[in-house]
Amino acid sequence: MYRLKMNDDLNSVKTKPRYHHGALRDALLDAAEAVIGERGLDGFSLRECARRAGVSPAAPAHHFGDARGLLTALAARGFAGLAEAMEHLAPSDDPVADLQAMGAAYVAFAFARPALFDLMWRRPMLDREAPGFLAVADRAFDPLAQAVGRITGTPPDPTDIVAAWSIVHGYARLALDGAVPRDNLPPIEAVVRRLRI
């Protein structure tokens, strides 16, 4: 009787369904963004991401390999989000106003997700050779390049693209790094009016 009960218990353990997380990859990316948002990149850990996602400490390795892999995937998600923030802006009859709207959307993204924005530019922490990473990073610059091209002609001059990018990226970094207190910064609308290429 005792043996039968013990065997029944063992069988129930063996056939017990394994824990399944339906969207583990996204849950880990969400957790990683929350961790760097609260603790900064220096406070990032795979173990904390796993804890927040409700999975074992080994689970992140199955999707990302290591911390660099997870941070690279998170940065790629950031570049995709930045692209979407600018891509949803429909072109108008005023290409200069369109470029200025792109610049404002770029800065708004940086201010809304500062930790993620910071990670996106930390090249030593990222695997730029990861499949698809450079493609999604390039996608984030296509709307800005196209907006410049509508002003200067296609293909746009790379110097003009860098000039436009420098204004909006520099503004965001000055604010996020505290180099210029936000109270002392001119409104982004005033700054992007300088985007006239």
Protein backbone atom coordinates (compact mmCIF):
# COMPACT_ATOMS: atom_id res chain seq x y z
CA MET A 1 0.00 0.00 0.00
CA TYR A 2 2.76 2.36 0.99
CA ARG A 3 4.74 1.41 -2.13
CA LEU A 4 1.73 1.96 -4.37
CA LYS A 5 1.14 5.39 -2.88
CA MET A 6 4.81 6.29 -3.28
CA ASN A 7 4.80 5.16 -6.92
CA ASP A 8 1.63 7.14 -7.55
CA ASP A 9 3.30 10.21 -6.07
CA LEU A 10 6.40 9.72 -8.22
CA ASN A 11 4.32 9.28 -11.34
CA SER A 12 2.43 12.45 -10.59
CA VAL A 13 5.72 14.34 -10.28
CA LYS A 14 7.03 12.91 -13.54
CA THR A 15 3.89 13.76 -15.47
CA LYS A 16 3.33 17.16 -13.88
CA PRO A 17 3.22 19.77 -16.67
CA ARG A 18 6.34 21.93 -16.84
CA TYR A 19 6.06 25.63 -16.08
CA HIS A 20 5.46 27.58 -19.28
CA HIS A 21 5.83 31.28 -19.84
CA GLY A 22 3.91 32.18 -22.97
CA ALA A 23 5.89 35.31 -23.83
CA LEU A 24 9.17 34.83 -22.00
CA ARG A 25 11.29 36.80 -24.45
CA ASP A 26 9.08 39.90 -24.20
CA ALA A 27 8.73 39.51 -20.44
CA LEU A 28 12.52 39.44 -20.05
CA LEU A 29 12.93 42.49 -22.28
CA ASP A 30 10.29 44.36 -20.27
CA ALA A 31 12.05 43.35 -17.06
CA ALA A 32 15.43 44.43 -18.42
CA GLU A 33 14.11 47.87 -19.35
CA ALA A 34 12.57 48.22 -15.89
CA VAL A 35 15.84 47.21 -14.21
CA ILE A 36 17.98 49.69 -16.14
CA GLY A 37 15.32 52.35 -15.63
CA GLU A 38 15.52 51.91 -11.87
CA ARG A 39 19.14 50.91 -11.34
CA GLY A 40 20.98 52.16 -14.41
CA LEU A 41 23.16 50.01 -16.62
CA ASP A 42 25.63 49.42 -13.81
CA GLY A 43 22.88 47.83 -11.73
CA PHE A 44 21.68 45.50 -14.47
CA SER A 45 21.69 41.74 -13.83
CA LEU A 46 20.21 38.73 -15.59
CA ARG A 47 19.19 37.28 -12.24
CA GLU A 48 17.07 40.35 -11.44
CA CYS A 49 15.46 40.24 -14.89
CA ALA A 50 14.57 36.59 -14.39
CA ARG A 51 13.15 37.31 -10.94
CA ARG A 52 10.94 40.09 -12.28
CA ALA A 53 9.77 37.92 -15.17
CA GLY A 54 8.92 35.13 -12.72
CA VAL A 55 11.28 32.54 -14.22
CA SER A 56 14.39 30.69 -13.12
CA PRO A 57 17.77 32.49 -13.15
CA ALA A 58 18.86 30.25 -16.04
CA ALA A 59 15.89 31.14 -18.26
CA PRO A 60 17.37 34.28 -19.89
CA ALA A 61 20.27 32.25 -21.29
CA HIS A 62 17.87 30.15 -23.37
CA HIS A 63 16.74 33.22 -25.32
CA PHE A 64 19.69 35.60 -25.15
CA GLY A 65 22.80 33.63 -24.20
CA ASP A 66 24.16 36.17 -21.76
CA ALA A 67 23.68 39.71 -20.43
CA ARG A 68 25.16 41.24 -23.57
CA GLY A 69 22.70 39.30 -25.70
CA LEU A 70 19.74 40.52 -23.66
CA LEU A 71 20.97 44.13 -23.70
CA THR A 72 21.53 43.92 -27.46
CA ALA A 73 17.98 42.67 -27.99
CA LEU A 74 16.69 45.45 -25.76
CA ALA A 75 18.65 48.08 -27.68
CA ALA A 76 17.25 46.66 -30.94
CA ARG A 77 13.77 47.01 -29.49
CA GLY A 78 14.65 50.61 -28.64
CA PHE A 79 15.76 51.37 -32.20
CA ALA A 80 12.53 49.83 -33.51
CA GLY A 81 10.54 52.02 -31.12
CA LEU A 82 12.45 55.12 -32.20
CA ALA A 83 11.77 54.29 -35.84
CA GLU A 84 8.07 53.82 -35.14
CA ALA A 85 7.93 57.16 -33.30
CA MET A 86 9.09 58.91 -36.46
CA GLU A 87 7.50 56.65 -39.09
CA HIS A 88 3.98 57.40 -37.91
CA LEU A 89 4.43 61.06 -38.91
CA ALA A 90 2.77 61.47 -42.29
CA PRO A 91 4.62 63.66 -44.80
CA SER A 92 3.01 67.04 -45.43
CA ASP A 93 3.46 69.70 -48.09
CA ASP A 94 6.10 71.38 -45.91
CA PRO A 95 9.30 69.28 -45.83
CA VAL A 96 10.99 71.61 -43.34
CA ALA A 97 8.08 71.24 -40.91
CA ASP A 98 8.24 67.47 -41.45
CA LEU A 99 11.93 67.41 -40.52
CA GLN A 100 11.23 69.50 -37.44
CA ALA A 101 8.44 67.09 -36.42
CA MET A 102 10.87 64.18 -36.83
CA GLY A 103 13.33 65.95 -34.56
CA ALA A 104 10.70 66.59 -31.92
CA ALA A 105 9.61 62.92 -32.06
CA TYR A 106 13.23 61.80 -31.64
CA VAL A 107 13.67 63.93 -28.52
CA ALA A 108 10.27 62.91 -27.13
CA PHE A 109 11.29 59.25 -27.41
CA ALA A 110 14.57 59.96 -25.60
CA PHE A 111 12.78 61.78 -22.78
CA ALA A 112 10.05 59.12 -22.45
CA ARG A 113 12.52 56.20 -22.22
CA PRO A 114 15.83 57.67 -21.04
CA ALA A 115 17.46 54.45 -19.79
CA LEU A 116 16.64 52.63 -23.02
CA PHE A 117 17.85 55.58 -25.08
CA ASP A 118 21.11 55.57 -23.14
CA LEU A 119 21.61 51.85 -23.75
CA MET A 120 21.09 52.23 -27.50
CA TRP A 121 24.35 54.21 -27.80
CA ARG A 122 26.51 52.09 -25.47
CA ARG A 123 28.37 50.30 -28.23
CA PRO A 124 30.80 48.35 -25.99
CA MET A 125 27.83 46.76 -24.19
CA LEU A 126 26.13 45.62 -27.40
CA ASP A 127 26.78 42.95 -30.01
CA ARG A 128 26.49 44.89 -33.23
CA GLU A 129 27.07 41.65 -35.15
CA ALA A 130 23.88 40.11 -33.75
CA PRO A 131 21.49 39.07 -36.55
CA GLY A 132 19.23 41.95 -37.52
CA PHE A 133 20.73 44.46 -35.11
CA LEU A 134 22.26 46.81 -37.69
CA ALA A 135 19.16 46.59 -39.88
CA VAL A 136 16.87 47.77 -37.09
CA ALA A 137 19.37 50.43 -36.01
CA ASP A 138 19.54 51.73 -39.60
CA ARG A 139 15.74 51.71 -39.78
CA ALA A 140 15.68 54.30 -36.99
CA PHE A 141 17.56 56.73 -39.22
CA ASP A 142 15.61 56.18 -42.42
CA PRO A 143 12.75 58.60 -41.56
CA LEU A 144 15.21 61.35 -40.67
CA ALA A 145 17.27 60.72 -43.82
CA GLN A 146 14.15 60.73 -45.98
CA ALA A 147 12.97 63.97 -44.40
CA VAL A 148 16.35 65.56 -45.14
CA GLY A 149 16.17 64.21 -48.69
CA ARG A 150 12.79 65.88 -49.28
CA ILE A 151 14.50 69.20 -48.54
CA THR A 152 17.87 68.75 -50.25
CA GLY A 153 17.06 66.21 -52.94
CA THR A 154 17.54 62.48 -53.11
CA PRO A 155 19.86 60.95 -52.20
CA PRO A 156 20.43 63.27 -49.25
CA ASP A 157 23.93 64.46 -48.47
CA PRO A 158 25.32 62.50 -45.49
CA THR A 159 26.61 65.77 -44.05
CA ASP A 160 23.07 67.14 -43.94
CA ILE A 161 21.81 63.98 -42.24
CA VAL A 162 24.55 64.17 -39.59
CA ALA A 163 23.83 67.88 -39.06
CA ALA A 164 20.12 67.21 -38.43
CA TRP A 165 20.85 64.20 -36.26
CA SER A 166 23.44 66.12 -34.23
CA ILE A 167 20.94 68.80 -33.31
CA VAL A 168 18.26 66.46 -31.99
CA HIS A 169 20.61 63.89 -30.46
CA GLY A 170 22.76 66.57 -28.87
CA TYR A 171 19.71 68.28 -27.39
CA ALA A 172 18.50 65.01 -25.89
CA ARG A 173 21.92 64.14 -24.46
CA LEU A 174 22.44 67.59 -22.95
CA ALA A 175 19.15 67.24 -21.12
CA LEU A 176 19.48 63.59 -20.10
CA ASP A 177 23.08 63.96 -18.94
CA GLY A 178 22.25 67.05 -16.92
CA ALA A 179 24.82 69.11 -18.81
CA VAL A 180 22.17 71.78 -19.15
CA PRO A 181 19.37 71.69 -16.57
CA ARG A 182 16.05 71.06 -18.27
CA ASP A 183 14.68 74.28 -16.83
CA ASN A 184 17.37 76.19 -18.75
CA LEU A 185 16.92 74.39 -22.06
CA PRO A 186 14.97 76.21 -24.75
CA PRO A 187 11.86 74.33 -25.80
CA ILE A 188 12.55 71.58 -28.32
CA GLU A 189 10.14 73.30 -30.71
CA ALA A 190 12.45 76.32 -30.78
CA VAL A 191 15.53 74.18 -31.32
CA VAL A 192 14.12 72.10 -34.16
CA ARG A 193 13.22 75.30 -36.00
CA ARG A 194 16.96 75.42 -36.68
CA LEU A 195 16.57 72.22 -38.72
CA ARG A 196 16.47 73.92 -42.08
CA ILE A 197 19.38 72.17 -43.83
